[in-house]
Amino acid sequence: MFGKIHEVYSSISGEGISQGIPTVFIRFAGCSLRCGKTESRALWCDTAYALGPNQGTEKNLDSIWNELESLDPHHGYQVLLTGGEPLEGKNRDLSLSIANKIYQYRTKTGLPYPASRVETNGSERITEDAFFIFTMDYKLPGSGMEDRMDEENFQILEKRHNSLDEIKFVVRDRIDFERSIEVIREKKYTQIYYIRPSTVKWMPKNWSNGSK
């Protein structure tokens, strides 16, 4: 079983409710969305270098496990699957295998962060598996990708009822902000919402990272 991997590295998580946690990032290559690239506006993706599947190297579970152990030999870091899109195409099966192996190993040995966090773009179907924690995007009108969102994902999040799951909105303008409020009210999702501007230049003074 292989997937396309752009990079594996360790750093500190910088977004959402896992902000500040030491993390091993596994970045998959390949994403079918092109956020922000609407009429007269440019692509805003901050990882455009990983959008194409050819921008990664084919790796299997054993290869990634070896890299994980090299970067975090004591298995004390959170593992975050990101992209690209880790749930798209053949990346999905590899993501499931990686997260399941980490979960089984860490729960058996009592190690921290047994569930892997997945940053997913909202167009791919998420799962009820306990070995995943989700940071799920909801693409707003400014992204040009709102029609690609899988509405069933909100119901799955409610069934999961995991307090560590979160939904992320990237806000381009006031229209996006108002739409994010509509979505929160419509879906009645009761967990964590995470709202951030699409560019630091837009960020107002005293911006709050989270909103319930």
C-alpha atoms as a PDB file:
ATOM      1  CA  MET A   1       0.000   0.000   0.000  1.00  0.00           C
ATOM      2  CA  PHE A   2       1.502   3.298  -1.129  1.00  0.00           C
ATOM      3  CA  GLY A   3       0.586   6.970  -0.958  1.00  0.00           C
ATOM      4  CA  LYS A   4       2.191  10.149  -2.226  1.00  0.00           C
ATOM      5  CA  ILE A   5       4.164  11.902   0.528  1.00  0.00           C
ATOM      6  CA  HIS A   6       5.653  15.354   0.079  1.00  0.00           C
ATOM      7  CA  GLU A   7       7.472  15.562   3.413  1.00  0.00           C
ATOM      8  CA  VAL A   8       7.684  14.228   6.968  1.00  0.00           C
ATOM      9  CA  TYR A   9       9.092  16.534   9.629  1.00  0.00           C
ATOM     10  CA  SER A  10       8.746  17.579  13.271  1.00  0.00           C
ATOM     11  CA  SER A  11       7.738  21.004  14.538  1.00  0.00           C
ATOM     12  CA  ILE A  12       5.222  22.716  16.827  1.00  0.00           C
ATOM     13  CA  SER A  13       1.560  22.749  15.854  1.00  0.00           C
ATOM     14  CA  GLY A  14       0.598  26.327  15.054  1.00  0.00           C
ATOM     15  CA  GLU A  15      -3.170  26.211  14.514  1.00  0.00           C
ATOM     16  CA  GLY A  16      -6.391  25.363  16.286  1.00  0.00           C
ATOM     17  CA  ILE A  17      -6.828  23.601  19.602  1.00  0.00           C
ATOM     18  CA  SER A  18      -3.594  21.620  19.192  1.00  0.00           C
ATOM     19  CA  GLN A  19      -1.591  24.843  18.958  1.00  0.00           C
ATOM     20  CA  GLY A  20       1.728  24.592  20.800  1.00  0.00           C
ATOM     21  CA  ILE A  21       1.924  20.775  20.827  1.00  0.00           C
ATOM     22  CA  PRO A  22       5.125  19.100  19.550  1.00  0.00           C
ATOM     23  CA  THR A  23       4.052  17.367  16.342  1.00  0.00           C
ATOM     24  CA  VAL A  24       5.285  15.109  13.578  1.00  0.00           C
ATOM     25  CA  PHE A  25       3.746  16.361  10.336  1.00  0.00           C
ATOM     26  CA  ILE A  26       3.117  13.870   7.538  1.00  0.00           C
ATOM     27  CA  ARG A  27       2.294  15.922   4.462  1.00  0.00           C
ATOM     28  CA  PHE A  28       0.590  14.077   1.622  1.00  0.00           C
ATOM     29  CA  ALA A  29       0.799  15.282  -1.975  1.00  0.00           C
ATOM     30  CA  GLY A  30      -2.274  15.785  -4.135  1.00  0.00           C
ATOM     31  CA  CYS A  31      -5.460  17.809  -3.646  1.00  0.00           C
ATOM     32  CA  SER A  32      -8.250  18.337  -6.166  1.00  0.00           C
ATOM     33  CA  LEU A  33      -9.391  21.686  -4.688  1.00  0.00           C
ATOM     34  CA  ARG A  34      -7.962  25.029  -5.780  1.00  0.00           C
ATOM     35  CA  CYS A  35      -9.018  27.370  -3.002  1.00  0.00           C
ATOM     36  CA  GLY A  36      -9.267  31.086  -3.655  1.00  0.00           C
ATOM     37  CA  LYS A  37      -8.755  30.819  -7.393  1.00  0.00           C
ATOM     38  CA  THR A  38     -11.983  32.554  -8.362  1.00  0.00           C
ATOM     39  CA  GLU A  39     -12.518  35.090 -11.127  1.00  0.00           C
ATOM     40  CA  SER A  40      -9.837  37.826 -10.958  1.00  0.00           C
ATOM     41  CA  ARG A  41      -8.428  36.353  -7.740  1.00  0.00           C
ATOM     42  CA  ALA A  42      -5.377  34.203  -7.177  1.00  0.00           C
ATOM     43  CA  LEU A  43      -4.923  30.822  -5.531  1.00  0.00           C
ATOM     44  CA  TRP A  44      -4.464  31.314  -1.787  1.00  0.00           C
ATOM     45  CA  CYS A  45      -3.390  27.826  -0.716  1.00  0.00           C
ATOM     46  CA  ASP A  46      -0.423  28.100   1.652  1.00  0.00           C
ATOM     47  CA  THR A  47       0.846  24.658   0.623  1.00  0.00           C
ATOM     48  CA  ALA A  48       0.489  24.953  -3.160  1.00  0.00           C
ATOM     49  CA  TYR A  49       3.773  23.069  -3.469  1.00  0.00           C
ATOM     50  CA  ALA A  50       1.908  19.904  -2.401  1.00  0.00           C
ATOM     51  CA  LEU A  51      -1.241  20.236  -4.527  1.00  0.00           C
ATOM     52  CA  GLY A  52      -0.160  17.944  -7.353  1.00  0.00           C
ATOM     53  CA  PRO A  53       0.263  14.183  -6.811  1.00  0.00           C
ATOM     54  CA  ASN A  54       3.547  14.343  -8.714  1.00  0.00           C
ATOM     55  CA  GLN A  55       4.893  16.666  -6.035  1.00  0.00           C
ATOM     56  CA  GLY A  56       5.332  13.732  -3.685  1.00  0.00           C
ATOM     57  CA  THR A  57       7.249  10.475  -3.400  1.00  0.00           C
ATOM     58  CA  GLU A  58       5.522   7.102  -3.175  1.00  0.00           C
ATOM     59  CA  LYS A  59       5.976   5.691   0.318  1.00  0.00           C
ATOM     60  CA  ASN A  60       4.428   2.805   2.224  1.00  0.00           C
ATOM     61  CA  LEU A  61       3.519   2.286   5.872  1.00  0.00           C
ATOM     62  CA  ASP A  62       6.888   0.811   6.863  1.00  0.00           C
ATOM     63  CA  SER A  63       8.799   3.705   5.341  1.00  0.00           C
ATOM     64  CA  ILE A  64       6.700   6.308   7.131  1.00  0.00           C
ATOM     65  CA  TRP A  65       6.854   4.406  10.422  1.00  0.00           C
ATOM     66  CA  ASN A  66      10.651   4.412  10.221  1.00  0.00           C
ATOM     67  CA  GLU A  67      10.668   8.175   9.634  1.00  0.00           C
ATOM     68  CA  LEU A  68       8.285   8.679  12.541  1.00  0.00           C
ATOM     69  CA  GLU A  69      10.517   6.693  14.894  1.00  0.00           C
ATOM     70  CA  SER A  70      13.572   8.620  13.713  1.00  0.00           C
ATOM     71  CA  LEU A  71      11.923  11.992  14.379  1.00  0.00           C
ATOM     72  CA  ASP A  72      10.174  10.960  17.598  1.00  0.00           C
ATOM     73  CA  PRO A  73      11.888   7.856  19.062  1.00  0.00           C
ATOM     74  CA  HIS A  74       9.929   8.042  22.332  1.00  0.00           C
ATOM     75  CA  HIS A  75       6.548   8.464  20.599  1.00  0.00           C
ATOM     76  CA  GLY A  76       5.674  11.538  22.649  1.00  0.00           C
ATOM     77  CA  TYR A  77       4.599  13.825  19.807  1.00  0.00           C
ATOM     78  CA  GLN A  78       1.203  14.322  18.251  1.00  0.00           C
ATOM     79  CA  VAL A  79       1.039  12.996  14.674  1.00  0.00           C
ATOM     80  CA  LEU A  80      -0.711  15.226  12.155  1.00  0.00           C
ATOM     81  CA  LEU A  81      -1.701  14.070   8.664  1.00  0.00           C
ATOM     82  CA  THR A  82      -2.025  17.004   6.300  1.00  0.00           C
ATOM     83  CA  GLY A  83      -1.549  17.873   2.672  1.00  0.00           C
ATOM     84  CA  GLY A  84      -2.355  18.138  -0.023  1.00  0.00           C
ATOM     85  CA  GLU A  85      -5.288  16.016   1.086  1.00  0.00           C
ATOM     86  CA  PRO A  86      -4.660  12.903   3.213  1.00  0.00           C
ATOM     87  CA  LEU A  87      -8.114  11.395   2.542  1.00  0.00           C
ATOM     88  CA  GLU A  88      -8.076  11.723  -1.260  1.00  0.00           C
ATOM     89  CA  GLY A  89      -7.504   8.772  -3.571  1.00  0.00           C
ATOM     90  CA  LYS A  90      -4.927   6.208  -2.502  1.00  0.00           C
ATOM     91  CA  ASN A  91      -3.689   8.553   0.215  1.00  0.00           C
ATOM     92  CA  ARG A  92      -6.819   7.610   2.140  1.00  0.00           C
ATOM     93  CA  ASP A  93      -5.891   3.952   2.654  1.00  0.00           C
ATOM     94  CA  LEU A  94      -2.373   4.870   3.715  1.00  0.00           C
ATOM     95  CA  SER A  95      -3.725   7.454   6.181  1.00  0.00           C
ATOM     96  CA  LEU A  96      -6.010   4.825   7.698  1.00  0.00           C
ATOM     97  CA  SER A  97      -3.125   2.367   8.032  1.00  0.00           C
ATOM     98  CA  ILE A  98      -0.748   4.905   9.577  1.00  0.00           C
ATOM     99  CA  ALA A  99      -3.276   6.169  12.102  1.00  0.00           C
ATOM    100  CA  ASN A 100      -4.425   2.669  13.043  1.00  0.00           C
ATOM    101  CA  LYS A 101      -0.860   1.463  13.668  1.00  0.00           C
ATOM    102  CA  ILE A 102      -0.033   4.518  15.795  1.00  0.00           C
ATOM    103  CA  TYR A 103      -3.268   4.103  17.758  1.00  0.00           C
ATOM    104  CA  GLN A 104      -2.737   0.402  18.453  1.00  0.00           C
ATOM    105  CA  TYR A 105       0.882   0.920  19.488  1.00  0.00           C
ATOM    106  CA  ARG A 106       0.275   3.908  21.731  1.00  0.00           C
ATOM    107  CA  THR A 107      -2.857   2.634  23.450  1.00  0.00           C
ATOM    108  CA  LYS A 108      -1.148  -0.669  24.222  1.00  0.00           C
ATOM    109  CA  THR A 109       1.887   1.079  25.716  1.00  0.00           C
ATOM    110  CA  GLY A 110       0.062   3.985  27.371  1.00  0.00           C
ATOM    111  CA  LEU A 111       1.796   6.637  25.263  1.00  0.00           C
ATOM    112  CA  PRO A 112       0.295  10.112  24.656  1.00  0.00           C
ATOM    113  CA  TYR A 113      -1.589  11.257  21.563  1.00  0.00           C
ATOM    114  CA  PRO A 114      -2.769   7.838  20.362  1.00  0.00           C
ATOM    115  CA  ALA A 115      -5.160   9.350  17.806  1.00  0.00           C
ATOM    116  CA  SER A 116      -3.662  11.101  14.787  1.00  0.00           C
ATOM    117  CA  ARG A 117      -5.033  14.511  13.856  1.00  0.00           C
ATOM    118  CA  VAL A 118      -6.133  14.807  10.214  1.00  0.00           C
ATOM    119  CA  GLU A 119      -6.374  18.153   8.451  1.00  0.00           C
ATOM    120  CA  THR A 120      -8.931  17.542   5.714  1.00  0.00           C
ATOM    121  CA  ASN A 121     -10.496  19.891   3.187  1.00  0.00           C
ATOM    122  CA  GLY A 122     -14.162  18.984   3.756  1.00  0.00           C
ATOM    123  CA  SER A 123     -14.748  17.458   0.326  1.00  0.00           C
ATOM    124  CA  GLU A 124     -13.709  13.946   1.358  1.00  0.00           C
ATOM    125  CA  ARG A 125     -15.869  11.731   3.593  1.00  0.00           C
ATOM    126  CA  ILE A 126     -14.510  11.536   7.134  1.00  0.00           C
ATOM    127  CA  THR A 127     -14.882   8.432   9.319  1.00  0.00           C
ATOM    128  CA  GLU A 128     -16.055   7.435  12.789  1.00  0.00           C
ATOM    129  CA  ASP A 129     -12.731   5.706  13.547  1.00  0.00           C
ATOM    130  CA  ALA A 130     -11.367   6.446  17.023  1.00  0.00           C
ATOM    131  CA  PHE A 131      -7.801   6.592  15.715  1.00  0.00           C
ATOM    132  CA  PHE A 132      -8.563   9.881  13.936  1.00  0.00           C
ATOM    133  CA  ILE A 133      -9.137  13.396  15.277  1.00  0.00           C
ATOM    134  CA  PHE A 134     -10.362  15.818  12.627  1.00  0.00           C
ATOM    135  CA  THR A 135      -9.631  19.407  11.764  1.00  0.00           C
ATOM    136  CA  MET A 136     -12.137  19.719   8.945  1.00  0.00           C
ATOM    137  CA  ASP A 137     -12.348  22.708   6.640  1.00  0.00           C
ATOM    138  CA  TYR A 138     -15.621  24.180   5.515  1.00  0.00           C
ATOM    139  CA  LYS A 139     -14.869  26.088   2.326  1.00  0.00           C
ATOM    140  CA  LEU A 140     -16.664  29.439   2.166  1.00  0.00           C
ATOM    141  CA  PRO A 141     -17.768  31.380  -0.970  1.00  0.00           C
ATOM    142  CA  GLY A 142     -14.464  33.251  -1.245  1.00  0.00           C
ATOM    143  CA  SER A 143     -12.670  29.955  -1.806  1.00  0.00           C
ATOM    144  CA  GLY A 144     -14.798  29.105  -4.837  1.00  0.00           C
ATOM    145  CA  MET A 145     -15.052  25.556  -3.455  1.00  0.00           C
ATOM    146  CA  GLU A 146     -18.166  25.598  -1.258  1.00  0.00           C
ATOM    147  CA  ASP A 147     -20.100  23.392  -3.675  1.00  0.00           C
ATOM    148  CA  ARG A 148     -17.506  20.645  -3.147  1.00  0.00           C
ATOM    149  CA  MET A 149     -18.258  20.266   0.565  1.00  0.00           C
ATOM    150  CA  ASP A 150     -19.564  16.880   1.755  1.00  0.00           C
ATOM    151  CA  GLU A 151     -22.557  17.806   3.931  1.00  0.00           C
ATOM    152  CA  GLU A 152     -22.692  14.296   5.415  1.00  0.00           C
ATOM    153  CA  ASN A 153     -19.511  15.104   7.331  1.00  0.00           C
ATOM    154  CA  PHE A 154     -21.437  17.245   9.821  1.00  0.00           C
ATOM    155  CA  GLN A 155     -23.600  14.273  10.780  1.00  0.00           C
ATOM    156  CA  ILE A 156     -20.521  12.090  11.184  1.00  0.00           C
ATOM    157  CA  LEU A 157     -18.906  14.682  13.446  1.00  0.00           C
ATOM    158  CA  GLU A 158     -22.024  14.689  15.631  1.00  0.00           C
ATOM    159  CA  LYS A 159     -21.939  10.887  15.863  1.00  0.00           C
ATOM    160  CA  ARG A 160     -18.256  10.983  16.790  1.00  0.00           C
ATOM    161  CA  HIS A 161     -18.921  13.549  19.536  1.00  0.00           C
ATOM    162  CA  ASN A 162     -15.189  13.970  20.047  1.00  0.00           C
ATOM    163  CA  SER A 163     -14.335  17.209  21.867  1.00  0.00           C
ATOM    164  CA  LEU A 164     -10.989  17.349  20.031  1.00  0.00           C
ATOM    165  CA  ASP A 165     -12.575  17.532  16.570  1.00  0.00           C
ATOM    166  CA  GLU A 166     -12.839  21.015  15.076  1.00  0.00           C
ATOM    167  CA  ILE A 167     -14.149  22.770  11.982  1.00  0.00           C
ATOM    168  CA  LYS A 168     -12.009  25.450  10.340  1.00  0.00           C
ATOM    169  CA  PHE A 169     -13.256  28.369   8.275  1.00  0.00           C
ATOM    170  CA  VAL A 170     -10.804  30.440   6.232  1.00  0.00           C
ATOM    171  CA  VAL A 171     -12.383  33.872   5.817  1.00  0.00           C
ATOM    172  CA  ARG A 172     -11.596  36.073   2.815  1.00  0.00           C
ATOM    173  CA  ASP A 173     -14.037  38.936   3.464  1.00  0.00           C
ATOM    174  CA  ARG A 174     -17.213  39.938   5.281  1.00  0.00           C
ATOM    175  CA  ILE A 175     -19.351  37.759   2.997  1.00  0.00           C
ATOM    176  CA  ASP A 176     -17.311  34.740   4.079  1.00  0.00           C
ATOM    177  CA  PHE A 177     -17.545  35.684   7.740  1.00  0.00           C
ATOM    178  CA  GLU A 178     -21.331  36.033   7.575  1.00  0.00           C
ATOM    179  CA  ARG A 179     -21.609  32.734   5.703  1.00  0.00           C
ATOM    180  CA  SER A 180     -19.544  31.005   8.410  1.00  0.00           C
ATOM    181  CA  ILE A 181     -22.062  32.204  11.020  1.00  0.00           C
ATOM    182  CA  GLU A 182     -24.911  30.876   8.845  1.00  0.00           C
ATOM    183  CA  VAL A 183     -23.237  27.467   8.620  1.00  0.00           C
ATOM    184  CA  ILE A 184     -22.742  27.322  12.391  1.00  0.00           C
ATOM    185  CA  ARG A 185     -26.435  28.086  12.919  1.00  0.00           C
ATOM    186  CA  GLU A 186     -27.668  25.767  10.165  1.00  0.00           C
ATOM    187  CA  LYS A 187     -25.616  22.725  11.120  1.00  0.00           C
ATOM    188  CA  LYS A 188     -26.023  23.167  14.886  1.00  0.00           C
ATOM    189  CA  TYR A 189     -22.676  21.472  15.363  1.00  0.00           C
ATOM    190  CA  THR A 190     -21.847  21.754  19.062  1.00  0.00           C
ATOM    191  CA  GLN A 191     -18.093  21.229  19.123  1.00  0.00           C
ATOM    192  CA  ILE A 192     -15.212  23.570  18.219  1.00  0.00           C
ATOM    193  CA  TYR A 193     -15.116  26.090  15.393  1.00  0.00           C
ATOM    194  CA  TYR A 194     -11.872  27.690  14.292  1.00  0.00           C
ATOM    195  CA  ILE A 195     -11.981  30.835  12.173  1.00  0.00           C
ATOM    196  CA  ARG A 196      -8.960  32.499  10.619  1.00  0.00           C
ATOM    197  CA  PRO A 197      -8.441  35.109   7.921  1.00  0.00           C
ATOM    198  CA  SER A 198      -7.120  34.011   4.554  1.00  0.00           C
ATOM    199  CA  THR A 199      -4.232  36.443   4.897  1.00  0.00           C
ATOM    200  CA  VAL A 200      -2.445  37.915   7.884  1.00  0.00           C
ATOM    201  CA  LYS A 201      -2.928  41.385   6.375  1.00  0.00           C
ATOM    202  CA  TRP A 202      -6.672  41.017   6.928  1.00  0.00           C
ATOM    203  CA  MET A 203      -6.377  39.978  10.558  1.00  0.00           C
ATOM    204  CA  PRO A 204      -8.099  42.555  12.779  1.00  0.00           C
ATOM    205  CA  LYS A 205      -6.701  43.642  16.119  1.00  0.00           C
ATOM    206  CA  ASN A 206      -7.447  41.236  18.984  1.00  0.00           C
ATOM    207  CA  TRP A 207      -8.533  38.481  16.567  1.00  0.00           C
ATOM    208  CA  SER A 208      -9.583  35.344  18.429  1.00  0.00           C
ATOM    209  CA  ASN A 209      -8.452  31.982  17.011  1.00  0.00           C
ATOM    210  CA  GLY A 210     -11.526  30.110  18.187  1.00  0.00           C
ATOM    211  CA  SER A 211     -15.259  30.717  18.201  1.00  0.00           C
ATOM    212  CA  LYS A 212     -17.990  28.501  19.548  1.00  0.00           C
END
